[in-house]
């Protein structure tokens, strides 16, 4: 098989497609994980602020 610099082989084209699609799949997955982390951190902040409000001492001078 003679190597031609201006033509891609079928397996290099398949690999390029897999990498192309995989990049977007990975980006989507990481975006979803980031959104979940953001939701959990907001819920944690709310829980901690509620606990701080419940533990505060009220001065009735």
Protein backbone atom coordinates (compact mmCIF):
# COMPACT_ATOMS: atom_id res chain seq x y z
CA UNK A 1 0.00 0.00 0.00
CA UNK A 2 1.47 3.30 -1.08
CA UNK A 3 1.20 6.20 1.39
CA UNK A 4 -0.48 9.29 -0.01
CA UNK A 5 -0.10 12.51 1.95
CA UNK A 6 -3.28 14.15 0.69
CA UNK A 7 -5.70 11.26 1.40
CA UNK A 8 -6.85 9.84 4.70
CA UNK A 9 -7.28 6.14 5.27
CA UNK A 10 -10.65 4.77 6.31
CA UNK A 11 -9.53 4.01 9.86
CA UNK A 12 -7.99 7.44 10.33
CA UNK A 13 -11.32 8.96 9.23
CA UNK A 14 -13.22 6.73 11.68
CA UNK A 15 -10.83 7.68 14.46
CA UNK A 16 -11.27 11.37 13.63
CA UNK A 17 -15.07 11.02 13.81
CA UNK A 18 -14.84 9.17 17.14
CA UNK A 19 -12.58 11.86 18.61
CA UNK A 20 -14.84 14.61 17.23
CA UNK A 21 -18.01 13.12 18.72
CA UNK A 22 -16.22 12.09 21.92
CA UNK A 23 -15.08 15.65 22.52
CA UNK A 24 -18.64 16.95 22.51
CA UNK A 25 -19.88 14.03 24.61
CA UNK A 26 -17.18 14.69 27.20
CA UNK A 27 -17.95 18.42 27.24
CA UNK A 28 -21.67 17.71 27.74
CA UNK A 29 -20.93 15.24 30.56
CA UNK A 30 -18.61 17.67 32.34
CA UNK A 31 -21.19 20.46 31.98
CA UNK A 32 -23.85 18.28 33.56
CA UNK A 33 -21.52 17.40 36.44
CA UNK A 34 -20.74 21.09 36.97
CA UNK A 35 -24.46 21.90 37.10
CA UNK A 36 -25.05 19.19 39.71
CA UNK A 37 -22.16 20.44 41.83
CA UNK A 38 -23.58 23.96 41.65
CA UNK A 39 -27.00 22.74 42.81
CA UNK A 40 -25.48 20.76 45.69
CA UNK A 41 -23.36 23.70 46.79
CA UNK A 42 -26.39 26.01 46.80
CA UNK A 43 -28.37 23.50 48.86
CA UNK A 44 -25.47 23.16 51.28
CA UNK A 45 -25.23 26.92 51.67
CA UNK A 46 -28.96 27.09 52.43
CA UNK A 47 -28.72 24.31 55.01
CA UNK A 48 -25.71 25.92 56.70
CA UNK A 49 -27.36 29.33 56.80
CA UNK A 50 -30.50 27.80 58.33
CA UNK A 51 -28.38 26.07 60.96
CA UNK A 52 -26.57 29.32 61.72
CA UNK A 53 -29.90 31.13 62.07
CA UNK A 54 -31.19 28.49 64.46
CA UNK A 55 -28.06 28.59 66.62
CA UNK A 56 -27.86 32.38 67.00
CA UNK A 57 -28.42 33.83 70.43
CA UNK A 58 -31.06 36.54 70.53
CA UNK A 59 -30.34 39.41 72.89
CA UNK A 60 -33.48 40.85 74.45
CA UNK A 61 -32.05 43.86 76.25
